[in-house]
Amino acid sequence: MSTHVPLSSGSPLLELAGVCRSFGGVVALEPTTLAVVPGEILGLVGENGAGKSTLIRLISGVLSPDHGEISWQGRGVELDSPRRAIDLGIATIHQELEYCGHLTVAENMLLGERWPRRWGGRIDWEAMRAEAGRRLLRAGCEVAADVEFSRLTAVEKQLVAIATALARDARLLILDEPTASLAAPDARRLIDHLKTIRDSGVAIIYVSHRLDEVLELSDRIAVLRDGELVHLAEAEALDGPDLVREMVGRPLQQVFPRTRDDSSTGDGPSSTTGNVLLRVQNLSRNGMFEGVSLDVQAGEVVGLAGLVGAGRSELARAIYGLYRPDSGTMELLGQPWQPKSPWDALEAGLVYLPEERKRHGLVADHDVSSTLAIGIRDRLTRWGLVREAEQRRRVTGMISAYDIRCSGPGQLVGTLSGGNQQKALLARWLERDPRVLILDEPTRGVDVGAKAEIHSVVDRLAAAGHGVLLISSDLPEVVGMSDRVLVMSRGSLVAECHGETQTEREVLQAAAGLAPVSREAEGC
């Protein structure tokens, strides 16, 4: 946790006094009083639906408060638009960055500004690149200004967004889940960069579900629960269990539940060939992965770890039928497996939850009912017609069984919290009773309560004899949930860790190419 002493701690940069907001009679944010001072990082945590997004939108000018006052540098202000907030020096960098991928870094940084011109009105591209380069240099961002934005890594995109905000004289940065899509080394790079920015006197509101990062970075931490600011304290006075308890209003009994019996000889993991549900041998696809071999057994959670770009998601898509491998063989439930489409996988008892649920798993303007029913639509139709009563019964049962928190089956799935969207995806495919599940970053961007629920579902699936291939960049999760952890690096499997011998450090070392290649050792 931070031991930094905020600059000018007696002079708030931003003050909220009794600020609140409701939507259609539903209170999203209770009257909240909060201050941010220059040169501090204020951690903001809470479950999805706790009011964090509403608070951020009030500060950034997207929403206006129903009541209360907002002050900036000691003067009352009306943040009636995002433009007004930006002009004051408030910059919000969202989890899903907004940019033009086909434009260069320089062009993206200067969007909305008057571009330099040559004689005759032509754009002075050289001057533009030079100006962007100066801005990047001042922000300590080592990215070339003439590179196409889409070619940047995830962490480079974040750094450019921060540099752009600082170049526009931002005094307060609001960062919403900035490390959600970053591997551990990239997250570390961003965290170190934020500390440097903080030390220059810029204030930061840091929103994240990664509590270890919040504790390390923050000078103070504010906790929201059910729209109310329930706790505000110095970071050094808190620890992980304290934050979880304040966020959910109760202690979580176990971070990584395990009800399955590792010694089981029936449904549990076993070296018996008959228990192998999925087998991949020497699978390759040019430019994505090469010579990958793995087994997933009944009653087993197999973790698949690696850095961003290691080829994990590409491998999962090939197993599921979204990509066709160039070579290698697969078996599913003891039979040769050559899927021609994802529908083949569903019919055979294999389901896949994609990494980017909003882009590849959900249709935001579909309601909860149709989202859940998609997975079993073939079982709800008779003579080409949907049995509406049966669909309502099944959907109501899924909402209850998976604790999908919504106003009802008619609510748009895009308006649900991240955790409830993920639970809806899980429910949709689990209703088909698959034998093998491939879960790609299943808890990314969800709060600690929903994360614990998803962990519990995964554990119950394994205990019931299903096989789970768990892809995760969250090292504590992939180590804590898995019976075995396979590590990928640059498209190849480079290590395998077993049971109690696996540690986060060893997995990260293997992913970074710092550990000896070993598929047989009891550790990495």
Protein backbone atom coordinates (compact mmCIF):
# COMPACT_ATOMS: atom_id res chain seq x y z
CA MET A 1 0.00 0.00 0.00
CA SER A 2 1.06 3.58 -0.57
CA THR A 3 3.10 5.45 2.04
CA HIS A 4 2.99 8.61 -0.07
CA VAL A 5 1.96 11.83 1.65
CA PRO A 6 -0.45 13.78 -0.62
CA LEU A 7 0.61 17.27 -1.65
CA SER A 8 -1.44 20.17 -0.28
CA SER A 9 -3.48 17.73 1.77
CA GLY A 10 -5.38 20.63 3.35
CA SER A 11 -6.62 22.09 0.04
CA PRO A 12 -9.12 19.84 -1.76
CA LEU A 13 -9.06 19.87 -5.53
CA LEU A 14 -12.55 18.37 -5.84
CA GLU A 15 -15.27 18.38 -3.17
CA LEU A 16 -18.66 16.68 -3.23
CA ALA A 17 -21.16 17.75 -0.57
CA GLY A 18 -24.34 15.71 -0.25
CA VAL A 19 -24.35 14.78 -3.94
CA CYS A 20 -27.01 12.21 -4.88
CA ARG A 21 -28.74 10.81 -7.95
CA SER A 22 -31.84 8.72 -8.67
CA PHE A 23 -33.26 7.13 -11.81
CA GLY A 24 -37.01 6.70 -12.07
CA GLY A 25 -37.46 6.63 -8.32
CA VAL A 26 -34.58 4.18 -7.80
CA VAL A 27 -31.73 5.66 -5.78
CA ALA A 28 -28.41 5.02 -7.54
CA LEU A 29 -26.31 7.18 -5.22
CA GLU A 30 -27.25 8.27 -1.71
CA PRO A 31 -26.12 11.73 -0.52
CA THR A 32 -22.33 11.50 -0.69
CA THR A 33 -19.68 13.80 0.74
CA LEU A 34 -16.14 13.23 -0.50
CA ALA A 35 -12.98 15.22 -1.27
CA VAL A 36 -9.92 14.58 -3.44
CA VAL A 37 -6.68 16.48 -2.87
CA PRO A 38 -3.83 17.17 -5.32
CA GLY A 39 -1.13 14.53 -5.43
CA GLU A 40 -3.15 11.66 -3.98
CA ILE A 41 -4.62 8.46 -5.34
CA LEU A 42 -8.11 7.80 -4.02
CA GLY A 43 -9.13 4.17 -4.49
CA LEU A 44 -12.83 3.69 -5.25
CA VAL A 45 -14.18 0.17 -4.75
CA GLY A 46 -17.54 -1.56 -4.50
CA GLU A 47 -19.52 -4.34 -6.07
CA ASN A 48 -21.11 -3.82 -9.47
CA GLY A 49 -24.25 -1.77 -8.90
CA ALA A 50 -22.78 -0.12 -5.79
CA GLY A 51 -22.88 3.35 -7.37
CA LYS A 52 -19.31 3.72 -8.66
CA SER A 53 -20.35 4.40 -12.26
CA THR A 54 -22.96 6.94 -11.17
CA LEU A 55 -20.40 8.76 -9.04
CA ILE A 56 -17.88 8.78 -11.90
CA ARG A 57 -20.45 10.13 -14.34
CA LEU A 58 -21.42 12.90 -11.93
CA ILE A 59 -17.80 13.99 -11.54
CA SER A 60 -17.12 13.77 -15.29
CA GLY A 61 -20.18 15.81 -16.25
CA VAL A 62 -22.16 13.03 -17.92
CA LEU A 63 -24.88 13.27 -15.25
CA SER A 64 -26.08 16.14 -13.07
CA PRO A 65 -26.83 15.52 -9.39
CA ASP A 66 -30.40 15.70 -8.10
CA HIS A 67 -29.15 17.46 -4.97
CA GLY A 68 -25.86 18.51 -3.44
CA GLU A 69 -22.95 20.69 -4.45
CA ILE A 70 -19.71 20.13 -6.35
CA SER A 71 -16.70 22.39 -5.79
CA TRP A 72 -13.51 22.63 -7.83
CA GLN A 73 -10.48 24.29 -6.24
CA GLY A 74 -12.72 25.82 -3.58
CA ARG A 75 -15.35 27.25 -5.94
CA GLY A 76 -18.80 25.84 -6.60
CA VAL A 77 -19.18 24.55 -10.15
CA GLU A 78 -21.90 23.08 -12.30
CA LEU A 79 -20.60 20.07 -14.23
CA ASP A 80 -23.37 20.10 -16.81
CA SER A 81 -21.40 18.43 -19.61
CA PRO A 82 -18.26 16.35 -20.19
CA ARG A 83 -16.80 19.34 -22.04
CA ARG A 84 -17.15 21.47 -18.92
CA ALA A 85 -15.38 18.83 -16.81
CA ILE A 86 -12.54 18.52 -19.33
CA ASP A 87 -12.11 22.30 -19.48
CA LEU A 88 -11.75 22.39 -15.69
CA GLY A 89 -9.12 19.65 -15.77
CA ILE A 90 -11.09 16.46 -15.08
CA ALA A 91 -10.26 13.58 -17.43
CA THR A 92 -11.96 10.18 -17.37
CA ILE A 93 -10.26 7.18 -18.96
CA HIS A 94 -12.71 4.33 -19.33
CA GLN A 95 -12.05 0.60 -19.29
CA GLU A 96 -12.99 0.37 -22.97
CA LEU A 97 -10.98 3.14 -24.61
CA GLU A 98 -12.47 5.26 -27.34
CA TYR A 99 -10.10 5.75 -30.26
CA CYS A 100 -9.79 5.53 -34.03
CA GLY A 101 -7.71 2.44 -34.68
CA HIS A 102 -6.80 3.31 -38.27
CA LEU A 103 -5.32 6.68 -37.27
CA THR A 104 -1.84 7.19 -35.86
CA VAL A 105 -1.06 7.90 -32.22
CA ALA A 106 -0.44 11.55 -33.11
CA GLU A 107 -3.75 11.89 -34.94
CA ASN A 108 -5.65 10.33 -32.03
CA MET A 109 -3.93 12.57 -29.49
CA LEU A 110 -4.84 15.73 -31.40
CA LEU A 111 -8.43 14.81 -32.26
CA GLY A 112 -10.75 17.68 -31.44
CA GLU A 113 -7.94 20.23 -31.69
CA ARG A 114 -6.85 22.48 -34.52
CA TRP A 115 -4.26 20.51 -36.49
CA PRO A 116 -1.13 22.39 -37.61
CA ARG A 117 -1.25 23.60 -41.21
CA ARG A 118 1.26 24.41 -43.90
CA TRP A 119 1.00 27.21 -46.41
CA GLY A 120 -2.09 26.64 -48.54
CA GLY A 121 -4.06 24.97 -45.75
CA ARG A 122 -2.47 21.55 -46.01
CA ILE A 123 -2.06 19.58 -42.78
CA ASP A 124 1.50 19.71 -41.45
CA TRP A 125 1.93 16.03 -40.58
CA GLU A 126 5.53 16.50 -39.46
CA ALA A 127 4.55 19.23 -37.00
CA MET A 128 1.69 17.08 -35.72
CA ARG A 129 3.99 14.13 -35.04
CA ALA A 130 6.50 16.43 -33.35
CA GLU A 131 3.84 17.93 -31.07
CA ALA A 132 2.49 14.49 -30.15
CA GLY A 133 6.04 13.32 -29.49
CA ARG A 134 6.61 16.22 -27.08
CA ARG A 135 3.39 15.40 -25.24
CA LEU A 136 4.33 11.74 -24.96
CA LEU A 137 7.79 12.64 -23.70
CA ARG A 138 6.43 15.01 -21.04
CA ALA A 139 4.12 12.25 -19.82
CA GLY A 140 6.95 9.71 -19.72
CA CYS A 141 5.28 7.57 -22.38
CA GLU A 142 7.70 5.72 -24.65
CA VAL A 143 5.43 5.22 -27.66
CA ALA A 144 6.15 6.36 -31.23
CA ALA A 145 3.78 9.08 -32.44
CA ASP A 146 3.62 7.79 -36.02
CA VAL A 147 2.45 4.24 -35.18
CA GLU A 148 -1.10 3.23 -36.10
CA PHE A 149 -3.08 3.17 -32.86
CA SER A 150 -4.54 -0.29 -33.45
CA ARG A 151 -1.01 -1.74 -33.45
CA LEU A 152 -0.32 -0.68 -29.86
CA THR A 153 -0.48 -3.12 -26.98
CA ALA A 154 -3.24 -2.72 -24.40
CA VAL A 155 -0.94 -1.05 -21.89
CA GLU A 156 0.46 1.33 -24.54
CA LYS A 157 -3.08 2.42 -25.40
CA GLN A 158 -3.69 3.20 -21.73
CA LEU A 159 -0.44 5.17 -21.51
CA VAL A 160 -1.30 7.20 -24.61
CA ALA A 161 -4.76 7.97 -23.21
CA ILE A 162 -3.16 9.22 -19.99
CA ALA A 163 -0.59 11.28 -21.92
CA THR A 164 -3.40 12.85 -23.96
CA ALA A 165 -5.26 13.83 -20.80
CA LEU A 166 -2.17 15.31 -19.16
CA ALA A 167 -1.36 17.29 -22.30
CA ARG A 168 -4.78 18.93 -21.93
CA ASP A 169 -3.85 20.06 -18.40
CA ALA A 170 -5.81 17.43 -16.51
CA ARG A 171 -5.53 17.94 -12.76
CA LEU A 172 -7.72 14.96 -11.87
CA LEU A 173 -7.57 11.60 -13.65
CA ILE A 174 -10.40 9.11 -13.20
CA LEU A 175 -9.26 5.62 -14.22
CA ASP A 176 -11.96 2.97 -14.55
CA GLU A 177 -10.58 -0.60 -14.41
CA PRO A 178 -7.36 0.36 -16.24
CA THR A 179 -5.65 -3.02 -15.70
CA ALA A 180 -8.67 -5.28 -16.39
CA SER A 181 -7.30 -6.44 -19.75
CA LEU A 182 -3.60 -6.32 -18.85
CA ALA A 183 -1.26 -9.18 -18.01
CA ALA A 184 0.73 -8.88 -14.79
CA PRO A 185 3.91 -7.28 -16.26
CA ASP A 186 1.87 -4.68 -18.18
CA ALA A 187 -0.25 -3.94 -15.10
CA ARG A 188 2.96 -3.38 -13.12
CA ARG A 189 4.22 -0.98 -15.80
CA LEU A 190 1.00 1.05 -15.63
CA ILE A 191 0.94 1.09 -11.82
CA ASP A 192 4.50 2.40 -11.66
CA HIS A 193 3.59 5.08 -14.20
CA LEU A 194 0.59 6.18 -12.13
CA LYS A 195 2.79 6.57 -9.05
CA THR A 196 5.04 8.93 -11.01
CA ILE A 197 2.04 10.96 -12.17
CA ARG A 198 0.71 11.13 -8.62
CA ASP A 199 4.07 12.37 -7.36
CA SER A 200 3.89 15.25 -9.86
CA GLY A 201 0.82 16.60 -8.06
CA VAL A 202 -1.98 15.18 -10.22
CA ALA A 203 -4.90 13.65 -8.32
CA ILE A 204 -6.18 10.22 -9.37
CA ILE A 205 -9.42 8.37 -8.64
CA TYR A 206 -8.59 4.71 -9.20
CA VAL A 207 -11.52 2.33 -9.73
CA SER A 208 -10.71 -1.37 -9.78
CA HIS A 209 -11.89 -4.81 -8.68
CA ARG A 210 -8.25 -5.82 -8.22
CA LEU A 211 -8.03 -5.09 -4.53
CA ASP A 212 -4.30 -5.82 -4.28
CA GLU A 213 -3.65 -2.99 -6.75
CA VAL A 214 -6.01 -0.65 -4.92
CA LEU A 215 -4.26 -1.33 -1.61
CA GLU A 216 -0.81 -0.82 -3.13
CA LEU A 217 -1.58 2.35 -5.06
CA SER A 218 -4.04 4.25 -2.92
CA ASP A 219 -3.44 6.84 -0.24
CA ARG A 220 -7.08 6.59 0.82
CA ILE A 221 -9.84 4.17 -0.14
CA ALA A 222 -13.57 4.89 -0.44
CA VAL A 223 -16.01 1.98 -0.36
CA LEU A 224 -19.48 2.17 -1.91
CA ARG A 225 -22.23 -0.33 -1.15
CA ASP A 226 -25.82 -0.16 -2.42
CA GLY A 227 -25.32 3.45 -3.50
CA GLU A 228 -23.94 4.60 -0.16
CA LEU A 229 -20.44 5.64 0.88
CA VAL A 230 -20.01 3.16 3.74
CA HIS A 231 -16.30 3.49 4.47
CA LEU A 232 -13.47 5.96 3.88
CA ALA A 233 -10.06 5.31 5.40
CA GLU A 234 -6.32 5.55 4.91
CA ALA A 235 -5.13 2.63 2.79
CA GLU A 236 -2.47 1.63 5.29
CA ALA A 237 -5.23 0.93 7.85
CA LEU A 238 -6.95 -1.62 5.59
CA ASP A 239 -6.26 -5.06 4.18
CA GLY A 240 -7.98 -7.31 1.62
CA PRO A 241 -10.47 -8.96 4.00
CA ASP A 242 -11.41 -5.54 5.40
CA LEU A 243 -12.24 -4.24 1.93
CA VAL A 244 -14.23 -7.32 0.97
CA ARG A 245 -16.24 -7.15 4.18
CA GLU A 246 -17.05 -3.47 3.62
CA MET A 247 -17.91 -4.02 -0.05
CA VAL A 248 -20.30 -6.96 0.36
CA GLY A 249 -21.45 -6.34 3.92
CA ARG A 250 -20.26 -9.76 5.00
CA PRO A 251 -17.03 -11.79 5.02
CA LEU A 252 -16.59 -14.13 2.05
CA GLN A 253 -16.18 -17.59 3.52
CA GLN A 254 -13.63 -18.80 1.04
CA VAL A 255 -11.95 -17.08 -1.88
CA PHE A 256 -11.40 -20.24 -3.91
CA PRO A 257 -13.93 -22.87 -2.77
CA ARG A 258 -13.10 -26.53 -3.26
CA THR A 259 -15.77 -29.12 -2.59
CA ARG A 260 -14.41 -31.66 -5.06
CA ASP A 261 -12.18 -34.44 -3.75
CA ASP A 262 -8.77 -34.51 -5.43
CA SER A 263 -8.33 -38.12 -4.41
CA SER A 264 -11.55 -39.24 -5.98
CA THR A 265 -11.33 -42.23 -8.24
CA GLY A 266 -14.81 -41.79 -9.64
CA ASP A 267 -15.78 -38.39 -10.93
CA GLY A 268 -12.64 -36.68 -9.66
CA PRO A 269 -9.37 -36.21 -11.50
CA SER A 270 -7.69 -39.41 -12.45
CA SER A 271 -4.98 -40.60 -14.74
CA THR A 272 -7.33 -43.25 -16.11
CA THR A 273 -7.75 -42.79 -19.87
CA GLY A 274 -11.50 -43.40 -19.64
CA ASN A 275 -11.85 -40.23 -17.56
CA VAL A 276 -10.33 -37.98 -20.23
CA LEU A 277 -13.10 -35.78 -21.63
CA LEU A 278 -11.00 -33.59 -23.94
CA ARG A 279 -7.66 -34.49 -25.50
CA VAL A 280 -5.59 -32.22 -27.74
CA GLN A 281 -2.44 -33.57 -29.42
CA ASN A 282 0.17 -31.50 -31.29
CA LEU A 283 -2.38 -28.90 -32.33
CA SER A 284 -1.00 -26.04 -34.45
CA ARG A 285 -2.28 -23.02 -36.34
CA ASN A 286 0.18 -20.80 -38.14
CA GLY A 287 0.90 -17.58 -36.29
CA MET A 288 -1.25 -18.49 -33.29
CA PHE A 289 -0.06 -21.64 -31.49
CA GLU A 290 2.18 -24.61 -32.21
CA GLY A 291 2.38 -28.23 -31.06
CA VAL A 292 -0.04 -27.89 -28.15
CA SER A 293 -1.02 -31.08 -26.29
CA LEU A 294 -3.28 -31.21 -23.25
CA ASP A 295 -5.92 -33.31 -21.51
CA VAL A 296 -8.94 -32.28 -19.45
CA GLN A 297 -10.32 -35.02 -17.24
CA ALA A 298 -13.71 -35.49 -15.63
CA GLY A 299 -14.00 -33.62 -12.35
CA GLU A 300 -10.95 -31.48 -13.06
CA VAL A 301 -10.27 -27.77 -13.47
CA VAL A 302 -7.25 -27.24 -15.72
CA GLY A 303 -5.89 -23.70 -15.62
CA LEU A 304 -4.35 -22.15 -18.72
CA ALA A 305 -2.06 -19.25 -17.81
CA GLY A 306 0.14 -16.97 -19.89
CA LEU A 307 0.80 -13.38 -20.84
CA VAL A 308 -1.34 -11.44 -23.29
CA GLY A 309 -0.61 -12.75 -26.80
CA ALA A 310 0.49 -16.19 -25.61
CA GLY A 311 -2.15 -17.88 -27.78
CA ARG A 312 -4.53 -19.10 -25.07
CA SER A 313 -7.73 -17.62 -26.49
CA GLU A 314 -6.79 -18.68 -30.02
CA LEU A 315 -6.31 -22.26 -28.82
CA ALA A 316 -9.71 -22.19 -27.11
CA ARG A 317 -11.39 -20.96 -30.28
CA ALA A 318 -9.79 -23.73 -32.31
CA ILE A 319 -11.01 -26.39 -29.87
CA TYR A 320 -14.49 -24.87 -30.06
CA GLY A 321 -14.61 -24.74 -33.85
CA LEU A 322 -14.14 -21.02 -34.48
CA TYR A 323 -10.68 -21.58 -35.99
CA ARG A 324 -9.54 -24.54 -38.05
CA PRO A 325 -6.13 -25.88 -36.95
CA ASP A 326 -3.46 -26.56 -39.57
CA SER A 327 -2.34 -29.81 -37.95
CA GLY A 328 -2.83 -32.00 -34.91
CA THR A 329 -5.72 -34.06 -33.58
CA MET A 330 -8.43 -33.71 -30.94
CA GLU A 331 -10.74 -36.09 -29.10
CA LEU A 332 -13.94 -35.19 -27.28
CA LEU A 333 -15.57 -37.75 -24.98
CA GLY A 334 -13.37 -40.45 -26.46
CA GLN A 335 -14.30 -39.73 -30.09
CA PRO A 336 -12.27 -37.98 -32.82
CA TRP A 337 -13.12 -34.28 -32.73
CA GLN A 338 -13.08 -32.07 -35.83
CA PRO A 339 -15.66 -29.32 -35.28
CA LYS A 340 -16.88 -27.52 -38.36
CA SER A 341 -18.70 -24.85 -36.34
CA PRO A 342 -19.52 -23.86 -32.77
CA TRP A 343 -22.90 -25.53 -33.18
CA ASP A 344 -21.10 -28.85 -33.58
CA ALA A 345 -19.44 -28.19 -30.22
CA LEU A 346 -22.71 -27.38 -28.49
CA GLU A 347 -24.33 -30.51 -29.85
CA ALA A 348 -21.37 -32.61 -28.70
CA GLY A 349 -21.36 -31.24 -25.13
CA LEU A 350 -18.65 -28.55 -25.33
CA VAL A 351 -19.34 -24.90 -24.50
CA TYR A 352 -17.10 -21.83 -24.62
CA LEU A 353 -17.49 -18.52 -22.78
CA PRO A 354 -15.50 -15.90 -24.72
CA GLU A 355 -13.12 -13.39 -23.22
CA GLU A 356 -15.02 -10.33 -24.44
CA ARG A 357 -18.59 -11.03 -23.39
CA LYS A 358 -19.98 -7.74 -24.73
CA ARG A 359 -18.54 -8.22 -28.23
CA HIS A 360 -18.76 -11.97 -28.67
CA GLY A 361 -21.21 -13.29 -26.09
CA LEU A 362 -24.08 -10.86 -25.62
CA VAL A 363 -26.42 -8.70 -27.68
CA ALA A 364 -26.88 -5.65 -25.47
CA ASP A 365 -30.36 -4.73 -26.72
CA HIS A 366 -31.77 -8.25 -26.20
CA ASP A 367 -33.66 -8.86 -23.00
CA VAL A 368 -32.64 -11.34 -20.32
CA SER A 369 -35.26 -13.85 -21.44
CA SER A 370 -34.08 -14.11 -25.05
CA THR A 371 -30.43 -14.11 -23.95
CA LEU A 372 -30.96 -17.10 -21.67
CA ALA A 373 -33.22 -18.93 -24.11
CA ILE A 374 -30.75 -18.80 -27.02
CA GLY A 375 -28.76 -21.69 -25.59
CA ILE A 376 -31.75 -24.03 -25.47
CA ARG A 377 -33.83 -22.64 -28.33
CA ASP A 378 -33.73 -25.99 -30.13
CA ARG A 379 -35.29 -27.59 -27.04
CA LEU A 380 -38.01 -24.97 -26.73
CA THR A 381 -39.45 -25.29 -30.23
CA ARG A 382 -42.08 -27.67 -31.52
CA TRP A 383 -42.99 -27.79 -35.20
CA GLY A 384 -40.95 -24.63 -35.68
CA LEU A 385 -42.79 -22.63 -33.00
CA VAL A 386 -41.38 -21.52 -29.65
CA ARG A 387 -43.31 -22.82 -26.65
CA GLU A 388 -43.63 -19.50 -24.82
CA ALA A 389 -44.87 -20.96 -21.53
CA GLU A 390 -41.98 -23.42 -21.39
CA GLN A 391 -39.50 -20.65 -22.20
CA ARG A 392 -40.86 -18.50 -19.36
CA ARG A 393 -40.60 -21.42 -16.96
CA ARG A 394 -37.03 -22.28 -17.93
CA VAL A 395 -35.88 -18.65 -17.93
CA THR A 396 -37.41 -17.96 -14.52
CA GLY A 397 -35.66 -21.05 -13.18
CA MET A 398 -32.28 -19.94 -14.56
CA ILE A 399 -32.62 -16.43 -13.10
CA SER A 400 -33.30 -17.95 -9.70
CA ALA A 401 -30.72 -20.76 -9.84
CA TYR A 402 -27.85 -18.48 -10.86
CA ASP A 403 -28.97 -15.45 -8.84
CA ILE A 404 -29.06 -13.17 -11.89
CA ARG A 405 -30.00 -9.85 -10.35
CA CYS A 406 -32.40 -8.11 -12.71
CA SER A 407 -35.78 -6.42 -12.58
CA GLY A 408 -37.25 -9.31 -14.55
CA PRO A 409 -36.89 -11.34 -17.77
CA GLY A 410 -37.72 -8.26 -19.82
CA GLN A 411 -34.75 -6.17 -18.67
CA LEU A 412 -32.17 -5.50 -21.38
CA VAL A 413 -29.09 -7.62 -20.75
CA GLY A 414 -26.84 -4.69 -21.66
CA THR A 415 -28.08 -2.80 -18.60
CA LEU A 416 -27.02 -5.55 -16.16
CA SER A 417 -23.83 -5.29 -14.14
CA GLY A 418 -20.77 -7.11 -15.47
CA GLY A 419 -21.14 -9.90 -12.93
CA ASN A 420 -24.78 -10.50 -13.79
CA GLN A 421 -24.01 -10.46 -17.51
CA GLN A 422 -21.41 -13.15 -16.95
CA LYS A 423 -23.80 -15.21 -14.83
CA ALA A 424 -26.38 -14.93 -17.62
CA LEU A 425 -23.85 -16.28 -20.12
CA LEU A 426 -22.97 -19.14 -17.79
CA ALA A 427 -26.61 -19.98 -17.19
CA ARG A 428 -27.38 -19.92 -20.92
CA TRP A 429 -24.86 -22.61 -21.75
CA LEU A 430 -24.98 -24.64 -18.54
CA GLU A 431 -28.65 -25.27 -19.19
CA ARG A 432 -27.46 -27.56 -22.00
CA ASP A 433 -25.64 -29.68 -19.39
CA PRO A 434 -22.28 -29.73 -21.23
CA ARG A 435 -19.54 -32.18 -20.29
CA VAL A 436 -16.64 -29.80 -21.05
CA LEU A 437 -16.49 -26.05 -20.49
CA ILE A 438 -13.88 -23.60 -21.75
CA LEU A 439 -14.05 -20.41 -19.69
CA ASP A 440 -11.97 -17.52 -21.04
CA GLU A 441 -11.41 -14.82 -18.38
CA PRO A 442 -14.75 -15.60 -16.67
CA THR A 443 -14.33 -13.07 -13.85
CA ARG A 444 -12.75 -10.16 -15.73
CA GLY A 445 -14.42 -6.90 -14.79
CA VAL A 446 -16.79 -8.39 -12.19
CA ASP A 447 -16.96 -7.46 -8.52
CA VAL A 448 -15.73 -9.62 -5.66
CA GLY A 449 -19.19 -10.92 -4.77
CA ALA A 450 -19.99 -12.05 -8.33
CA LYS A 451 -16.45 -13.42 -8.66
CA ALA A 452 -16.98 -15.62 -5.61
CA GLU A 453 -20.28 -16.86 -7.05
CA ILE A 454 -18.63 -17.75 -10.37
CA HIS A 455 -15.81 -19.55 -8.54
CA SER A 456 -18.44 -21.55 -6.66
CA VAL A 457 -20.21 -22.50 -9.90
CA VAL A 458 -16.92 -23.70 -11.43
CA ASP A 459 -16.14 -25.77 -8.34
CA ARG A 460 -19.61 -27.37 -8.35
CA LEU A 461 -19.28 -28.22 -12.03
CA ALA A 462 -15.99 -30.02 -11.42
CA ALA A 463 -17.41 -31.78 -8.36
CA ALA A 464 -20.27 -33.06 -10.54
CA GLY A 465 -17.82 -34.62 -13.01
CA HIS A 466 -17.60 -31.93 -15.67
CA GLY A 467 -14.25 -30.92 -17.14
CA VAL A 468 -13.26 -27.24 -17.08
CA LEU A 469 -10.49 -25.49 -19.01
CA LEU A 470 -10.03 -22.19 -17.16
CA ILE A 471 -8.18 -19.40 -18.99
CA SER A 472 -7.32 -16.52 -16.68
CA SER A 473 -4.79 -13.70 -16.38
CA ASP A 474 -5.68 -13.40 -12.68
CA LEU A 475 -2.82 -15.41 -11.16
CA PRO A 476 -4.39 -15.99 -7.73
CA GLU A 477 -7.53 -17.21 -9.48
CA VAL A 478 -5.90 -19.59 -11.95
CA VAL A 479 -3.64 -21.04 -9.25
CA GLY A 480 -6.31 -21.20 -6.56
CA MET A 481 -9.07 -22.72 -8.70
CA SER A 482 -7.09 -25.24 -10.73
CA ASP A 483 -6.00 -28.81 -10.11
CA ARG A 484 -3.26 -28.29 -12.68
CA VAL A 485 -1.96 -25.15 -14.37
CA LEU A 486 -0.61 -25.27 -17.92
CA VAL A 487 1.48 -22.28 -18.93
CA MET A 488 1.63 -20.91 -22.49
CA SER A 489 4.25 -18.57 -23.89
CA ARG A 490 4.48 -17.38 -27.50
CA GLY A 491 2.03 -19.97 -28.75
CA SER A 492 3.53 -23.01 -27.02
CA LEU A 493 2.95 -24.87 -23.77
CA VAL A 494 6.11 -24.35 -21.74
CA ALA A 495 5.30 -25.66 -18.27
CA GLU A 496 2.84 -27.60 -16.17
CA CYS A 497 2.32 -27.10 -12.43
CA HIS A 498 0.50 -29.54 -10.18
CA GLY A 499 -1.70 -29.20 -7.14
CA GLU A 500 -0.19 -27.71 -4.01
CA THR A 501 3.21 -27.24 -5.65
CA GLN A 502 1.97 -24.52 -8.01
CA THR A 503 2.62 -20.92 -6.97
CA GLU A 504 1.85 -17.59 -8.59
CA ARG A 505 5.56 -16.76 -8.84
CA GLU A 506 6.38 -19.99 -10.65
CA VAL A 507 3.49 -19.58 -13.08
CA LEU A 508 4.50 -16.00 -13.88
CA GLN A 509 8.15 -16.99 -14.33
CA ALA A 510 7.17 -19.72 -16.77
CA ALA A 511 4.84 -17.37 -18.68
CA ALA A 512 7.65 -14.82 -18.99
CA GLY A 513 10.12 -17.47 -20.16
CA LEU A 514 12.14 -17.33 -16.93
CA ALA A 515 11.60 -20.94 -15.84
CA PRO A 516 12.93 -24.13 -17.41
CA VAL A 517 10.57 -25.88 -19.79
CA SER A 518 9.02 -28.86 -18.02
CA ARG A 519 5.80 -30.73 -18.67
CA GLU A 520 6.53 -33.54 -16.23
CA ALA A 521 7.87 -31.90 -13.07
CA GLU A 522 5.77 -31.61 -9.93
CA GLY A 523 6.40 -27.87 -10.02
CA CYS A 524 7.29 -25.38 -12.70
